[in-house]
Amino acid sequence: MDIRALTDAYAVSPQITPDDIPEIAAAGFGTIICNRPDEEIVPGLRAADIRAAALEAGLKFLEIPLSQSENFVRDVARQREALETAEGPVLAYCASGTRSTIVWMFGAAKSVPIGDLLETANRAGYPLAALRPQLEAAAQL
């Protein structure tokens, strides 16, 4: 498992498995957010499988699947709200952690300097400088 902290309260990861849940709970996470659509995943790793293991471990589990869609603004708002109401630190996952990083960046664009967001993502292994114009536009909305 490859957990990458973006803040003290938010970390991202590539796809997790039900077997990873005890380690996630032991690391102090209270909430898991699945940002990966089920149609990308083989049975056994779908949201319902991860949810069952998370709930059994006493963790909160949310699904906010992210894909190339016109619903991105809504998804950013849903992710931001989930972070604001999370129980304990949040681990969000997708295929590589990139989408979970991007949705966090857009959700924080109004309150965190864009340069800081890009630097944080880059330190975590997600070089997303090409998103600067879109993040700057989002910060103005």
C-alpha atoms as a PDB file:
ATOM      1  CA  MET A   1       0.000   0.000   0.000  1.00  0.00           C
ATOM      2  CA  ASP A   2       1.280   3.441  -0.962  1.00  0.00           C
ATOM      3  CA  ILE A   3      -0.275   6.147   1.239  1.00  0.00           C
ATOM      4  CA  ARG A   4       0.830   9.701   0.434  1.00  0.00           C
ATOM      5  CA  ALA A   5      -0.092  12.444   2.903  1.00  0.00           C
ATOM      6  CA  LEU A   6      -1.115  15.757   1.371  1.00  0.00           C
ATOM      7  CA  THR A   7      -2.095  17.333   4.712  1.00  0.00           C
ATOM      8  CA  ASP A   8      -2.330  16.122   8.295  1.00  0.00           C
ATOM      9  CA  ALA A   9      -5.981  15.294   7.644  1.00  0.00           C
ATOM     10  CA  TYR A  10      -5.930  14.061   4.023  1.00  0.00           C
ATOM     11  CA  ALA A  11      -3.912  11.385   2.260  1.00  0.00           C
ATOM     12  CA  VAL A  12      -4.271   9.638  -1.076  1.00  0.00           C
ATOM     13  CA  SER A  13      -3.449   6.200  -2.345  1.00  0.00           C
ATOM     14  CA  PRO A  14      -3.625   4.003  -5.401  1.00  0.00           C
ATOM     15  CA  GLN A  15      -6.263   1.249  -5.297  1.00  0.00           C
ATOM     16  CA  ILE A  16      -6.558  -0.427  -1.921  1.00  0.00           C
ATOM     17  CA  THR A  17      -7.814  -3.911  -1.089  1.00  0.00           C
ATOM     18  CA  PRO A  18      -9.969  -5.235   1.738  1.00  0.00           C
ATOM     19  CA  ASP A  19      -6.783  -6.723   3.214  1.00  0.00           C
ATOM     20  CA  ASP A  20      -5.324  -3.188   3.529  1.00  0.00           C
ATOM     21  CA  ILE A  21      -8.102  -1.982   5.839  1.00  0.00           C
ATOM     22  CA  PRO A  22      -6.549  -3.114   9.161  1.00  0.00           C
ATOM     23  CA  GLU A  23      -3.348  -1.234   8.305  1.00  0.00           C
ATOM     24  CA  ILE A  24      -5.365   1.850   7.303  1.00  0.00           C
ATOM     25  CA  ALA A  25      -7.275   1.753  10.593  1.00  0.00           C
ATOM     26  CA  ALA A  26      -4.048   1.224  12.566  1.00  0.00           C
ATOM     27  CA  ALA A  27      -2.564   4.285  10.833  1.00  0.00           C
ATOM     28  CA  GLY A  28      -5.320   6.371  12.425  1.00  0.00           C
ATOM     29  CA  PHE A  29      -7.583   7.051   9.461  1.00  0.00           C
ATOM     30  CA  GLY A  30     -11.247   7.452  10.334  1.00  0.00           C
ATOM     31  CA  THR A  31     -12.731   7.839   6.858  1.00  0.00           C
ATOM     32  CA  ILE A  32     -12.042   6.266   3.480  1.00  0.00           C
ATOM     33  CA  ILE A  33     -13.259   7.890   0.267  1.00  0.00           C
ATOM     34  CA  CYS A  34     -13.436   5.811  -2.892  1.00  0.00           C
ATOM     35  CA  ASN A  35     -12.840   8.037  -5.921  1.00  0.00           C
ATOM     36  CA  ARG A  36     -12.626   5.130  -8.369  1.00  0.00           C
ATOM     37  CA  PRO A  37     -15.681   4.138 -10.432  1.00  0.00           C
ATOM     38  CA  ASP A  38     -16.592   0.463 -10.077  1.00  0.00           C
ATOM     39  CA  GLU A  39     -16.555  -0.058 -13.839  1.00  0.00           C
ATOM     40  CA  GLU A  40     -12.749   0.291 -13.715  1.00  0.00           C
ATOM     41  CA  ILE A  41     -12.282  -2.406 -11.097  1.00  0.00           C
ATOM     42  CA  VAL A  42     -12.363  -6.184 -11.004  1.00  0.00           C
ATOM     43  CA  PRO A  43     -14.729  -7.936  -8.595  1.00  0.00           C
ATOM     44  CA  GLY A  44     -13.236  -8.185  -5.122  1.00  0.00           C
ATOM     45  CA  LEU A  45     -11.868  -4.632  -5.248  1.00  0.00           C
ATOM     46  CA  ARG A  46     -15.077  -2.738  -5.951  1.00  0.00           C
ATOM     47  CA  ALA A  47     -16.446  -0.142  -3.558  1.00  0.00           C
ATOM     48  CA  ALA A  48     -18.829  -2.601  -1.872  1.00  0.00           C
ATOM     49  CA  ASP A  49     -15.907  -4.911  -1.059  1.00  0.00           C
ATOM     50  CA  ILE A  50     -13.829  -2.107   0.430  1.00  0.00           C
ATOM     51  CA  ARG A  51     -16.892  -0.675   2.212  1.00  0.00           C
ATOM     52  CA  ALA A  52     -17.627  -3.983   3.956  1.00  0.00           C
ATOM     53  CA  ALA A  53     -14.065  -4.263   5.261  1.00  0.00           C
ATOM     54  CA  ALA A  54     -13.979  -0.581   6.275  1.00  0.00           C
ATOM     55  CA  LEU A  55     -17.259  -0.754   8.180  1.00  0.00           C
ATOM     56  CA  GLU A  56     -16.134  -3.950   9.900  1.00  0.00           C
ATOM     57  CA  ALA A  57     -13.038  -2.058  11.072  1.00  0.00           C
ATOM     58  CA  GLY A  58     -15.153   0.839  12.345  1.00  0.00           C
ATOM     59  CA  LEU A  59     -14.219   3.262   9.575  1.00  0.00           C
ATOM     60  CA  LYS A  60     -16.560   5.573   7.720  1.00  0.00           C
ATOM     61  CA  PHE A  61     -16.702   4.880   3.963  1.00  0.00           C
ATOM     62  CA  LEU A  62     -17.888   7.217   1.202  1.00  0.00           C
ATOM     63  CA  GLU A  63     -18.135   6.806  -2.552  1.00  0.00           C
ATOM     64  CA  ILE A  64     -17.435   9.790  -4.790  1.00  0.00           C
ATOM     65  CA  PRO A  65     -16.429   8.129  -8.073  1.00  0.00           C
ATOM     66  CA  LEU A  66     -14.515  10.481 -10.344  1.00  0.00           C
ATOM     67  CA  SER A  67     -14.478  10.134 -14.101  1.00  0.00           C
ATOM     68  CA  GLN A  68     -14.246  12.414 -17.097  1.00  0.00           C
ATOM     69  CA  SER A  69     -17.661  14.002 -16.803  1.00  0.00           C
ATOM     70  CA  GLU A  70     -19.586  17.207 -16.660  1.00  0.00           C
ATOM     71  CA  ASN A  71     -20.196  16.516 -12.959  1.00  0.00           C
ATOM     72  CA  PHE A  72     -16.680  17.485 -11.855  1.00  0.00           C
ATOM     73  CA  VAL A  73     -17.778  20.695 -10.097  1.00  0.00           C
ATOM     74  CA  ARG A  74     -20.418  18.732  -8.180  1.00  0.00           C
ATOM     75  CA  ASP A  75     -17.865  16.035  -7.338  1.00  0.00           C
ATOM     76  CA  VAL A  76     -15.389  18.635  -6.039  1.00  0.00           C
ATOM     77  CA  ALA A  77     -18.118  20.048  -3.786  1.00  0.00           C
ATOM     78  CA  ARG A  78     -19.040  16.574  -2.546  1.00  0.00           C
ATOM     79  CA  GLN A  79     -15.392  15.743  -1.786  1.00  0.00           C
ATOM     80  CA  ARG A  80     -14.849  19.075   0.013  1.00  0.00           C
ATOM     81  CA  GLU A  81     -17.994  18.497   2.106  1.00  0.00           C
ATOM     82  CA  ALA A  82     -16.839  14.964   2.915  1.00  0.00           C
ATOM     83  CA  LEU A  83     -13.514  16.316   4.149  1.00  0.00           C
ATOM     84  CA  GLU A  84     -15.215  18.973   6.258  1.00  0.00           C
ATOM     85  CA  THR A  85     -17.458  16.416   7.973  1.00  0.00           C
ATOM     86  CA  ALA A  86     -14.989  13.514   8.106  1.00  0.00           C
ATOM     87  CA  GLU A  87     -14.488  11.419  11.187  1.00  0.00           C
ATOM     88  CA  GLY A  88     -10.739  11.505  11.678  1.00  0.00           C
ATOM     89  CA  PRO A  89      -8.107  11.768   8.971  1.00  0.00           C
ATOM     90  CA  VAL A  90      -9.246  10.815   5.461  1.00  0.00           C
ATOM     91  CA  LEU A  91      -7.674   8.386   3.015  1.00  0.00           C
ATOM     92  CA  ALA A  92      -8.980   8.836  -0.530  1.00  0.00           C
ATOM     93  CA  TYR A  93      -8.077   6.356  -3.238  1.00  0.00           C
ATOM     94  CA  CYS A  94      -8.435   5.878  -6.985  1.00  0.00           C
ATOM     95  CA  ALA A  95      -6.341   4.001  -9.542  1.00  0.00           C
ATOM     96  CA  SER A  96      -3.093   5.874  -8.806  1.00  0.00           C
ATOM     97  CA  GLY A  97      -4.007   8.596  -6.312  1.00  0.00           C
ATOM     98  CA  THR A  98      -3.948  11.278  -8.999  1.00  0.00           C
ATOM     99  CA  ARG A  99      -7.713  11.874  -9.199  1.00  0.00           C
ATOM    100  CA  SER A 100      -7.951  11.970  -5.413  1.00  0.00           C
ATOM    101  CA  THR A 101      -5.185  14.587  -5.418  1.00  0.00           C
ATOM    102  CA  ILE A 102      -6.789  16.646  -8.186  1.00  0.00           C
ATOM    103  CA  VAL A 103     -10.219  16.753  -6.547  1.00  0.00           C
ATOM    104  CA  TRP A 104      -8.600  17.879  -3.280  1.00  0.00           C
ATOM    105  CA  MET A 105      -6.650  20.609  -5.098  1.00  0.00           C
ATOM    106  CA  PHE A 106      -9.769  21.994  -6.760  1.00  0.00           C
ATOM    107  CA  GLY A 107     -11.657  21.859  -3.474  1.00  0.00           C
ATOM    108  CA  ALA A 108      -8.913  23.833  -1.734  1.00  0.00           C
ATOM    109  CA  ALA A 109      -8.180  26.298  -4.558  1.00  0.00           C
ATOM    110  CA  LYS A 110     -10.162  29.142  -2.965  1.00  0.00           C
ATOM    111  CA  SER A 111      -8.416  28.880   0.395  1.00  0.00           C
ATOM    112  CA  VAL A 112      -4.879  27.669  -0.335  1.00  0.00           C
ATOM    113  CA  PRO A 113      -2.416  29.407  -2.668  1.00  0.00           C
ATOM    114  CA  ILE A 114      -2.224  27.566  -5.990  1.00  0.00           C
ATOM    115  CA  GLY A 115       1.559  27.337  -5.773  1.00  0.00           C
ATOM    116  CA  ASP A 116       1.252  25.588  -2.412  1.00  0.00           C
ATOM    117  CA  LEU A 117      -1.262  23.099  -3.817  1.00  0.00           C
ATOM    118  CA  LEU A 118       0.988  22.293  -6.759  1.00  0.00           C
ATOM    119  CA  GLU A 119       4.043  21.950  -4.517  1.00  0.00           C
ATOM    120  CA  THR A 120       2.179  19.633  -2.142  1.00  0.00           C
ATOM    121  CA  ALA A 121       0.997  17.445  -5.011  1.00  0.00           C
ATOM    122  CA  ASN A 122       4.483  17.361  -6.528  1.00  0.00           C
ATOM    123  CA  ARG A 123       6.088  16.365  -3.191  1.00  0.00           C
ATOM    124  CA  ALA A 124       3.593  13.492  -3.016  1.00  0.00           C
ATOM    125  CA  GLY A 125       4.652  12.320  -6.478  1.00  0.00           C
ATOM    126  CA  TYR A 126       1.882  13.926  -8.511  1.00  0.00           C
ATOM    127  CA  PRO A 127       3.400  16.551 -10.857  1.00  0.00           C
ATOM    128  CA  LEU A 128       0.291  18.500 -11.812  1.00  0.00           C
ATOM    129  CA  ALA A 129       1.675  21.927 -12.742  1.00  0.00           C
ATOM    130  CA  ALA A 130      -0.262  21.801 -16.028  1.00  0.00           C
ATOM    131  CA  LEU A 131      -3.442  22.313 -13.965  1.00  0.00           C
ATOM    132  CA  ARG A 132      -2.347  25.777 -12.779  1.00  0.00           C
ATOM    133  CA  PRO A 133      -4.633  27.730 -15.183  1.00  0.00           C
ATOM    134  CA  GLN A 134      -7.691  25.665 -14.265  1.00  0.00           C
ATOM    135  CA  LEU A 135      -6.904  25.900 -10.538  1.00  0.00           C
ATOM    136  CA  GLU A 136      -6.460  29.664 -10.800  1.00  0.00           C
ATOM    137  CA  ALA A 137      -9.818  29.909 -12.587  1.00  0.00           C
ATOM    138  CA  ALA A 138     -11.466  27.734  -9.916  1.00  0.00           C
ATOM    139  CA  ALA A 139     -10.034  29.969  -7.188  1.00  0.00           C
ATOM    140  CA  GLN A 140     -11.892  32.918  -8.728  1.00  0.00           C
ATOM    141  CA  LEU A 141     -15.325  31.266  -8.792  1.00  0.00           C
END
